[in-house]
Amino acid sequence: MDRDEELLRGRVYGADHDDPGQGPQPGRTYAELVGGPLDGLLLDITGWTPGESDTGVSLRTELGQFGAGGRALYDPRPGDPARWDWSGDSP
C-alpha cells in the first residue's frame, strides 16, 4: 500500500484530510466503498431511507478516470449493505 492509499483508509468521504476527526464517529452508520478511486473510504449513510441507499451514489472525486470534476459510481453490494462496490467513473 502506498502513502496515498494509507491516507485514505478509515477516512470518511468528504472529510478534510487535515481534520483530526476525519474517521468514523459514534452513532453514525457507514458503508465502506470497495474498489475504484475511493476504495477504503467510508460513506456516511446515517438517516438514509432504503430507497435512497438502494439506488447507489455518484461521488465527486479528482482521483477517477475523468480527473477534476469527475465522479465515481458506487452501488450497494447485494446482501451486504455495509459495502458498496465501484461500478465505474463518469465525467
N, C-alpha and C. Protein backbone atom coordinates (compact mmCIF):
# COMPACT_ATOMS: atom_id res chain seq x y z
N MET A 1 0.85 -1.17 0.00
CA MET A 1 0.00 0.00 0.00
C MET A 1 0.90 1.24 0.00
N ASP A 2 0.62 2.17 -0.93
CA ASP A 2 1.45 3.38 -0.97
C ASP A 2 0.90 4.44 -0.01
N ARG A 3 1.62 5.52 0.12
CA ARG A 3 1.28 6.57 1.10
C ARG A 3 -0.12 7.15 0.85
N ASP A 4 -0.49 7.40 -0.42
CA ASP A 4 -1.81 7.94 -0.72
C ASP A 4 -2.91 6.99 -0.27
N GLU A 5 -2.71 5.69 -0.47
CA GLU A 5 -3.70 4.70 -0.05
C GLU A 5 -3.82 4.68 1.47
N GLU A 6 -2.70 4.80 2.16
CA GLU A 6 -2.72 4.82 3.62
C GLU A 6 -3.53 5.99 4.15
N LEU A 7 -3.41 7.14 3.49
CA LEU A 7 -4.12 8.34 3.93
C LEU A 7 -5.63 8.18 3.77
N LEU A 8 -6.06 7.42 2.76
CA LEU A 8 -7.49 7.26 2.50
C LEU A 8 -8.15 6.26 3.44
N ARG A 9 -7.46 5.25 3.89
CA ARG A 9 -8.04 4.18 4.70
C ARG A 9 -8.63 4.72 6.01
N GLY A 10 -9.86 4.31 6.32
CA GLY A 10 -10.50 4.69 7.57
C GLY A 10 -11.01 6.12 7.60
N ARG A 11 -10.96 6.80 6.48
CA ARG A 11 -11.42 8.18 6.40
C ARG A 11 -12.84 8.21 5.85
N VAL A 12 -13.60 9.17 6.29
CA VAL A 12 -14.97 9.34 5.82
C VAL A 12 -14.95 10.21 4.57
N TYR A 13 -15.66 9.77 3.53
CA TYR A 13 -15.74 10.53 2.28
C TYR A 13 -16.25 11.94 2.59
N GLY A 14 -15.59 12.94 2.05
CA GLY A 14 -15.98 14.33 2.23
C GLY A 14 -15.30 15.02 3.39
N ALA A 15 -14.64 14.25 4.27
CA ALA A 15 -13.94 14.85 5.40
C ALA A 15 -12.62 15.45 4.92
N ASP A 16 -12.24 16.56 5.47
CA ASP A 16 -10.98 17.21 5.14
C ASP A 16 -9.83 16.33 5.64
N HIS A 17 -8.84 16.08 4.80
CA HIS A 17 -7.74 15.19 5.18
C HIS A 17 -6.93 15.73 6.35
N ASP A 18 -7.03 17.03 6.65
CA ASP A 18 -6.32 17.62 7.79
C ASP A 18 -7.15 17.61 9.07
N ASP A 19 -8.41 17.23 8.97
CA ASP A 19 -9.31 17.23 10.11
C ASP A 19 -8.98 16.06 11.03
N PRO A 20 -8.68 16.32 12.31
CA PRO A 20 -8.36 15.22 13.22
C PRO A 20 -9.56 14.29 13.46
N GLY A 21 -10.77 14.76 13.19
CA GLY A 21 -11.97 13.93 13.37
C GLY A 21 -12.45 13.34 12.07
N GLN A 22 -11.53 13.02 11.16
CA GLN A 22 -11.91 12.53 9.83
C GLN A 22 -12.37 11.08 9.81
N GLY A 23 -12.21 10.37 10.91
CA GLY A 23 -12.62 8.97 10.97
C GLY A 23 -14.08 8.82 11.34
N PRO A 24 -14.53 7.59 11.42
CA PRO A 24 -15.93 7.33 11.77
C PRO A 24 -16.26 7.86 13.16
N GLN A 25 -17.49 8.34 13.31
CA GLN A 25 -17.96 8.91 14.57
C GLN A 25 -19.00 7.99 15.20
N PRO A 26 -19.04 7.90 16.51
CA PRO A 26 -20.04 7.07 17.18
C PRO A 26 -21.45 7.52 16.83
N GLY A 27 -22.35 6.56 16.72
CA GLY A 27 -23.75 6.86 16.44
C GLY A 27 -24.07 7.10 14.98
N ARG A 28 -23.08 6.96 14.11
CA ARG A 28 -23.29 7.15 12.67
C ARG A 28 -23.25 5.79 11.98
N THR A 29 -23.87 5.72 10.80
CA THR A 29 -23.88 4.49 10.00
C THR A 29 -23.06 4.73 8.75
N TYR A 30 -22.15 3.80 8.45
CA TYR A 30 -21.25 3.96 7.31
C TYR A 30 -21.30 2.75 6.40
N ALA A 31 -21.04 2.99 5.12
CA ALA A 31 -20.82 1.93 4.15
C ALA A 31 -19.38 2.08 3.65
N GLU A 32 -18.68 0.97 3.54
CA GLU A 32 -17.31 1.01 3.01
C GLU A 32 -17.35 1.01 1.50
N LEU A 33 -16.62 1.91 0.87
CA LEU A 33 -16.51 1.96 -0.58
C LEU A 33 -15.42 0.98 -1.00
N VAL A 34 -15.78 0.09 -1.92
CA VAL A 34 -14.89 -1.01 -2.32
C VAL A 34 -14.53 -0.88 -3.79
N GLY A 35 -13.24 -0.81 -4.08
CA GLY A 35 -12.77 -0.70 -5.46
C GLY A 35 -12.79 0.74 -5.95
N GLY A 36 -12.23 0.94 -7.11
CA GLY A 36 -12.25 2.27 -7.72
C GLY A 36 -11.40 3.29 -6.99
N PRO A 37 -11.56 4.54 -7.36
CA PRO A 37 -10.68 5.59 -6.83
C PRO A 37 -10.91 5.92 -5.35
N LEU A 38 -12.06 5.56 -4.79
CA LEU A 38 -12.35 5.89 -3.39
C LEU A 38 -12.30 4.66 -2.50
N ASP A 39 -11.65 3.61 -2.97
CA ASP A 39 -11.54 2.35 -2.23
C ASP A 39 -11.07 2.58 -0.80
N GLY A 40 -11.80 2.02 0.14
CA GLY A 40 -11.42 2.11 1.54
C GLY A 40 -12.03 3.27 2.30
N LEU A 41 -12.57 4.26 1.58
CA LEU A 41 -13.24 5.37 2.28
C LEU A 41 -14.58 4.89 2.82
N LEU A 42 -15.07 5.58 3.82
CA LEU A 42 -16.37 5.28 4.41
C LEU A 42 -17.36 6.36 3.97
N LEU A 43 -18.55 5.91 3.57
CA LEU A 43 -19.61 6.83 3.16
C LEU A 43 -20.63 6.89 4.30
N ASP A 44 -20.89 8.08 4.81
CA ASP A 44 -21.85 8.26 5.89
C ASP A 44 -23.27 8.15 5.32
N ILE A 45 -23.97 7.09 5.68
CA ILE A 45 -25.32 6.86 5.19
C ILE A 45 -26.34 6.97 6.33
N THR A 46 -25.97 7.64 7.40
CA THR A 46 -26.85 7.83 8.54
C THR A 46 -28.14 8.52 8.08
N GLY A 47 -29.27 7.93 8.43
CA GLY A 47 -30.56 8.53 8.12
C GLY A 47 -31.06 8.30 6.71
N TRP A 48 -30.31 7.60 5.87
CA TRP A 48 -30.77 7.34 4.52
C TRP A 48 -31.93 6.34 4.57
N THR A 49 -32.93 6.56 3.76
CA THR A 49 -34.05 5.62 3.67
C THR A 49 -33.61 4.45 2.79
N PRO A 50 -34.32 3.30 2.88
CA PRO A 50 -33.98 2.18 1.99
C PRO A 50 -34.00 2.59 0.52
N GLY A 51 -34.93 3.42 0.12
CA GLY A 51 -34.99 3.87 -1.27
C GLY A 51 -33.77 4.67 -1.68
N GLU A 52 -33.27 5.49 -0.77
CA GLU A 52 -32.07 6.30 -1.07
C GLU A 52 -30.83 5.43 -1.15
N SER A 53 -30.70 4.48 -0.24
CA SER A 53 -29.48 3.68 -0.22
C SER A 53 -29.50 2.53 -1.23
N ASP A 54 -30.66 2.18 -1.76
CA ASP A 54 -30.74 1.09 -2.75
C ASP A 54 -30.29 1.52 -4.14
N THR A 55 -30.27 2.81 -4.41
CA THR A 55 -30.00 3.27 -5.77
C THR A 55 -28.53 3.53 -6.07
N GLY A 56 -27.69 3.56 -5.07
CA GLY A 56 -26.28 3.86 -5.28
C GLY A 56 -26.04 5.35 -5.33
N VAL A 57 -24.76 5.72 -5.52
CA VAL A 57 -24.37 7.13 -5.48
C VAL A 57 -23.35 7.46 -6.57
N SER A 58 -23.28 8.73 -6.87
CA SER A 58 -22.29 9.30 -7.77
C SER A 58 -21.52 10.32 -6.93
N LEU A 59 -20.26 10.02 -6.64
CA LEU A 59 -19.47 10.83 -5.72
C LEU A 59 -18.37 11.59 -6.45
N ARG A 60 -18.27 12.89 -6.18
CA ARG A 60 -17.22 13.69 -6.81
C ARG A 60 -15.84 13.22 -6.34
N THR A 61 -14.92 13.17 -7.31
CA THR A 61 -13.54 12.82 -6.99
C THR A 61 -12.61 13.31 -8.08
N GLU A 62 -11.41 13.67 -7.68
CA GLU A 62 -10.37 14.05 -8.63
C GLU A 62 -9.49 12.85 -8.97
N LEU A 63 -9.75 11.72 -8.31
CA LEU A 63 -8.88 10.56 -8.45
C LEU A 63 -9.32 9.60 -9.55
N GLY A 64 -10.48 9.80 -10.14
CA GLY A 64 -11.01 8.87 -11.13
C GLY A 64 -10.49 9.12 -12.52
N GLN A 65 -11.05 8.40 -13.46
CA GLN A 65 -10.65 8.43 -14.86
C GLN A 65 -10.77 9.83 -15.48
N PHE A 66 -11.73 10.63 -15.00
CA PHE A 66 -12.00 11.93 -15.61
C PHE A 66 -11.37 13.10 -14.87
N GLY A 67 -10.56 12.82 -13.85
CA GLY A 67 -9.86 13.87 -13.12
C GLY A 67 -10.80 14.83 -12.40
N ALA A 68 -10.35 16.05 -12.23
CA ALA A 68 -11.13 17.06 -11.51
C ALA A 68 -12.52 17.20 -12.13
N GLY A 69 -13.52 17.18 -11.30
CA GLY A 69 -14.90 17.29 -11.78
C GLY A 69 -15.53 15.96 -12.11
N GLY A 70 -14.75 14.88 -12.10
CA GLY A 70 -15.29 13.56 -12.39
C GLY A 70 -16.02 12.97 -11.19
N ARG A 71 -16.69 11.87 -11.43
CA ARG A 71 -17.45 11.20 -10.38
C ARG A 71 -17.16 9.70 -10.41
N ALA A 72 -17.20 9.11 -9.23
CA ALA A 72 -17.07 7.66 -9.08
C ALA A 72 -18.45 7.13 -8.70
N LEU A 73 -18.85 6.05 -9.34
CA LEU A 73 -20.18 5.46 -9.12
C LEU A 73 -20.06 4.23 -8.22
N TYR A 74 -20.87 4.19 -7.18
CA TYR A 74 -20.86 3.07 -6.23
C TYR A 74 -22.28 2.59 -5.98
N ASP A 75 -22.44 1.26 -5.93
CA ASP A 75 -23.74 0.64 -5.69
C ASP A 75 -23.65 -0.29 -4.49
N PRO A 76 -24.73 -0.35 -3.68
CA PRO A 76 -24.71 -1.26 -2.54
C PRO A 76 -24.52 -2.70 -2.99
N ARG A 77 -23.73 -3.44 -2.25
CA ARG A 77 -23.48 -4.84 -2.56
C ARG A 77 -24.71 -5.65 -2.15
N PRO A 78 -25.27 -6.45 -3.05
CA PRO A 78 -26.43 -7.29 -2.69
C PRO A 78 -26.09 -8.18 -1.50
N GLY A 79 -26.94 -8.14 -0.49
CA GLY A 79 -26.74 -8.96 0.69
C GLY A 79 -25.76 -8.41 1.71
N ASP A 80 -25.10 -7.30 1.40
CA ASP A 80 -24.13 -6.71 2.33
C ASP A 80 -24.19 -5.19 2.23
N PRO A 81 -25.20 -4.56 2.85
CA PRO A 81 -25.38 -3.12 2.71
C PRO A 81 -24.27 -2.28 3.33
N ALA A 82 -23.37 -2.91 4.06
CA ALA A 82 -22.25 -2.18 4.65
C ALA A 82 -21.09 -2.02 3.68
N ARG A 83 -21.21 -2.59 2.47
CA ARG A 83 -20.15 -2.48 1.47
C ARG A 83 -20.78 -2.06 0.14
N TRP A 84 -20.22 -1.03 -0.45
CA TRP A 84 -20.71 -0.53 -1.73
C TRP A 84 -19.59 -0.69 -2.76
N ASP A 85 -19.92 -1.32 -3.89
CA ASP A 85 -18.93 -1.64 -4.92
C ASP A 85 -18.89 -0.59 -6.01
N TRP A 86 -17.67 -0.31 -6.48
CA TRP A 86 -17.45 0.63 -7.56
C TRP A 86 -17.99 0.03 -8.86
N SER A 87 -18.71 0.85 -9.64
CA SER A 87 -19.23 0.36 -10.92
C SER A 87 -18.70 1.17 -12.09
N GLY A 88 -17.84 2.15 -11.84
CA GLY A 88 -17.24 2.92 -12.93
C GLY A 88 -17.11 4.39 -12.57
N ASP A 89 -16.62 5.15 -13.55
CA ASP A 89 -16.45 6.59 -13.40
C ASP A 89 -17.31 7.30 -14.44
N SER A 90 -17.66 8.53 -14.18
CA SER A 90 -18.37 9.34 -15.16
C SER A 90 -17.82 10.76 -15.13
N PRO A 91 -17.98 11.47 -16.23
CA PRO A 91 -17.48 12.86 -16.27
C PRO A 91 -18.30 13.79 -15.40
